[in-house]
Amino acid sequence: MAIDLTGLSSTPSTSTRSKLEGSGQSHSGKNQQEVSDKAAQPGTVTFSNEAQSLQKLEEQVGQLPDVNSERVESIRKAIEDGSYGVDAERLATKILDLEGRIYG
């Protein structure tokens, strides 16, 4: 299937121009002026209060460190000196809860 694109262009042809420049010239000229005036004005965007709050929160979270170095260091020391303990029952409960959420 072929598509014939002859005669198509982005600029209006002579016959199209004459139609545009006909009786509605003053009206189309006015519309063109309005469009060019709007194009000359810079666009403005306003964010909702929720979007502004989310943006502030995102900035605050971005400033937080990825790792709590103090907590990591305290756990490392506790493991080294043997004082770090694991509550096996609590760990098992957490694992079962997680499996329940995953598998329903």
C-alpha atoms as a PDB file:
ATOM      1  CA  MET A   1       0.000   0.000   0.000  1.00  0.00           C
ATOM      2  CA  ALA A   2       1.558   3.280  -1.099  1.00  0.00           C
ATOM      3  CA  ILE A   3       0.799   6.706   0.293  1.00  0.00           C
ATOM      4  CA  ASP A   4       0.973   9.659  -2.078  1.00  0.00           C
ATOM      5  CA  LEU A   5       2.589  12.628  -0.312  1.00  0.00           C
ATOM      6  CA  THR A   6       2.943  14.878  -3.350  1.00  0.00           C
ATOM      7  CA  GLY A   7       1.623  18.344  -2.807  1.00  0.00           C
ATOM      8  CA  LEU A   8       1.958  18.166   0.972  1.00  0.00           C
ATOM      9  CA  SER A   9       4.143  20.659   2.742  1.00  0.00           C
ATOM     10  CA  SER A  10       4.271  22.534   6.011  1.00  0.00           C
ATOM     11  CA  THR A  11       3.787  25.902   4.269  1.00  0.00           C
ATOM     12  CA  PRO A  12       0.369  26.823   2.902  1.00  0.00           C
ATOM     13  CA  SER A  13      -0.032  26.698  -0.858  1.00  0.00           C
ATOM     14  CA  THR A  14      -1.064  29.720  -2.924  1.00  0.00           C
ATOM     15  CA  SER A  15      -4.700  28.623  -2.979  1.00  0.00           C
ATOM     16  CA  THR A  16      -4.655  28.046   0.779  1.00  0.00           C
ATOM     17  CA  ARG A  17      -3.070  31.467   1.357  1.00  0.00           C
ATOM     18  CA  SER A  18      -5.715  33.165  -0.744  1.00  0.00           C
ATOM     19  CA  LYS A  19      -8.441  31.479   1.305  1.00  0.00           C
ATOM     20  CA  LEU A  20      -6.770  32.615   4.525  1.00  0.00           C
ATOM     21  CA  GLU A  21      -6.309  36.162   3.237  1.00  0.00           C
ATOM     22  CA  GLY A  22      -9.921  36.419   2.078  1.00  0.00           C
ATOM     23  CA  SER A  23     -12.816  37.929   4.004  1.00  0.00           C
ATOM     24  CA  GLY A  24     -11.606  36.726   7.417  1.00  0.00           C
ATOM     25  CA  GLN A  25      -8.229  38.470   7.191  1.00  0.00           C
ATOM     26  CA  SER A  26      -8.763  40.841  10.082  1.00  0.00           C
ATOM     27  CA  HIS A  27     -10.061  38.031  12.270  1.00  0.00           C
ATOM     28  CA  SER A  28      -7.208  35.652  11.432  1.00  0.00           C
ATOM     29  CA  GLY A  29      -4.710  38.500  11.790  1.00  0.00           C
ATOM     30  CA  LYS A  30      -6.051  39.186  15.258  1.00  0.00           C
ATOM     31  CA  ASN A  31      -5.747  35.489  16.189  1.00  0.00           C
ATOM     32  CA  GLN A  32      -2.194  35.376  14.874  1.00  0.00           C
ATOM     33  CA  GLN A  33      -1.331  38.445  16.975  1.00  0.00           C
ATOM     34  CA  GLU A  34      -2.832  36.822  20.088  1.00  0.00           C
ATOM     35  CA  VAL A  35      -0.875  33.621  19.468  1.00  0.00           C
ATOM     36  CA  SER A  36       2.388  35.507  18.983  1.00  0.00           C
ATOM     37  CA  ASP A  37       1.729  37.585  22.137  1.00  0.00           C
ATOM     38  CA  LYS A  38       1.126  34.429  24.154  1.00  0.00           C
ATOM     39  CA  ALA A  39       4.238  32.800  22.726  1.00  0.00           C
ATOM     40  CA  ALA A  40       6.322  35.816  23.781  1.00  0.00           C
ATOM     41  CA  GLN A  41       5.179  35.575  27.409  1.00  0.00           C
ATOM     42  CA  PRO A  42       7.113  33.149  29.591  1.00  0.00           C
ATOM     43  CA  GLY A  43       5.091  30.189  30.844  1.00  0.00           C
ATOM     44  CA  THR A  44       4.443  29.812  34.530  1.00  0.00           C
ATOM     45  CA  VAL A  45       3.893  26.653  36.517  1.00  0.00           C
ATOM     46  CA  THR A  46       2.435  26.532  39.990  1.00  0.00           C
ATOM     47  CA  PHE A  47       2.623  23.488  42.226  1.00  0.00           C
ATOM     48  CA  SER A  48      -0.057  22.460  44.678  1.00  0.00           C
ATOM     49  CA  ASN A  49       0.645  22.615  48.404  1.00  0.00           C
ATOM     50  CA  GLU A  50       0.982  18.826  48.449  1.00  0.00           C
ATOM     51  CA  ALA A  51       3.554  18.893  45.647  1.00  0.00           C
ATOM     52  CA  GLN A  52       5.530  21.602  47.441  1.00  0.00           C
ATOM     53  CA  SER A  53       5.484  19.565  50.675  1.00  0.00           C
ATOM     54  CA  LEU A  54       6.647  16.463  48.820  1.00  0.00           C
ATOM     55  CA  GLN A  55       9.451  18.434  47.205  1.00  0.00           C
ATOM     56  CA  LYS A  56      10.638  19.685  50.611  1.00  0.00           C
ATOM     57  CA  LEU A  57      10.501  16.170  52.053  1.00  0.00           C
ATOM     58  CA  GLU A  58      12.463  14.824  49.106  1.00  0.00           C
ATOM     59  CA  GLU A  59      15.161  17.440  49.681  1.00  0.00           C
ATOM     60  CA  GLN A  60      15.323  16.567  53.396  1.00  0.00           C
ATOM     61  CA  VAL A  61      15.573  12.836  52.692  1.00  0.00           C
ATOM     62  CA  GLY A  62      18.272  13.515  50.109  1.00  0.00           C
ATOM     63  CA  GLN A  63      20.386  15.176  52.809  1.00  0.00           C
ATOM     64  CA  LEU A  64      20.238  12.131  55.115  1.00  0.00           C
ATOM     65  CA  PRO A  65      23.182   9.744  55.024  1.00  0.00           C
ATOM     66  CA  ASP A  66      22.628   6.394  53.296  1.00  0.00           C
ATOM     67  CA  VAL A  67      23.985   4.492  56.301  1.00  0.00           C
ATOM     68  CA  ASN A  68      23.626   5.183  60.014  1.00  0.00           C
ATOM     69  CA  SER A  69      27.339   4.872  60.742  1.00  0.00           C
ATOM     70  CA  GLU A  70      26.914   5.116  64.521  1.00  0.00           C
ATOM     71  CA  ARG A  71      24.459   2.205  64.605  1.00  0.00           C
ATOM     72  CA  VAL A  72      26.655   0.090  62.332  1.00  0.00           C
ATOM     73  CA  GLU A  73      29.672   0.767  64.538  1.00  0.00           C
ATOM     74  CA  SER A  74      27.801  -0.105  67.753  1.00  0.00           C
ATOM     75  CA  ILE A  75      26.555  -3.401  66.279  1.00  0.00           C
ATOM     76  CA  ARG A  76      30.030  -4.234  64.961  1.00  0.00           C
ATOM     77  CA  LYS A  77      31.541  -3.691  68.421  1.00  0.00           C
ATOM     78  CA  ALA A  78      28.813  -5.764  70.072  1.00  0.00           C
ATOM     79  CA  ILE A  79      29.470  -8.639  67.661  1.00  0.00           C
ATOM     80  CA  GLU A  80      33.229  -8.418  68.261  1.00  0.00           C
ATOM     81  CA  ASP A  81      32.950  -8.482  72.069  1.00  0.00           C
ATOM     82  CA  GLY A  82      30.233 -11.165  72.043  1.00  0.00           C
ATOM     83  CA  SER A  83      27.502  -9.052  73.610  1.00  0.00           C
ATOM     84  CA  TYR A  84      25.293  -8.956  70.498  1.00  0.00           C
ATOM     85  CA  GLY A  85      22.352 -11.259  70.985  1.00  0.00           C
ATOM     86  CA  VAL A  86      19.644 -12.420  68.645  1.00  0.00           C
ATOM     87  CA  ASP A  87      16.135 -13.099  69.929  1.00  0.00           C
ATOM     88  CA  ALA A  88      15.388 -16.267  67.942  1.00  0.00           C
ATOM     89  CA  GLU A  89      11.650 -16.204  68.708  1.00  0.00           C
ATOM     90  CA  ARG A  90      11.298 -12.586  67.579  1.00  0.00           C
ATOM     91  CA  LEU A  91      13.285 -13.334  64.413  1.00  0.00           C
ATOM     92  CA  ALA A  92      11.105 -16.381  63.630  1.00  0.00           C
ATOM     93  CA  THR A  93       7.932 -14.323  64.145  1.00  0.00           C
ATOM     94  CA  LYS A  94       9.187 -11.626  61.783  1.00  0.00           C
ATOM     95  CA  ILE A  95      10.087 -14.217  59.129  1.00  0.00           C
ATOM     96  CA  LEU A  96       6.644 -15.843  59.379  1.00  0.00           C
ATOM     97  CA  ASP A  97       4.952 -12.433  59.138  1.00  0.00           C
ATOM     98  CA  LEU A  98       6.960 -11.617  56.035  1.00  0.00           C
ATOM     99  CA  GLU A  99       6.105 -14.963  54.406  1.00  0.00           C
ATOM    100  CA  GLY A 100       2.451 -14.363  55.209  1.00  0.00           C
ATOM    101  CA  ARG A 101       2.522 -11.009  53.458  1.00  0.00           C
ATOM    102  CA  ILE A 102       4.363 -12.403  50.454  1.00  0.00           C
ATOM    103  CA  TYR A 103       2.434 -15.612  49.939  1.00  0.00           C
ATOM    104  CA  GLY A 104      -0.890 -14.601  51.460  1.00  0.00           C
END
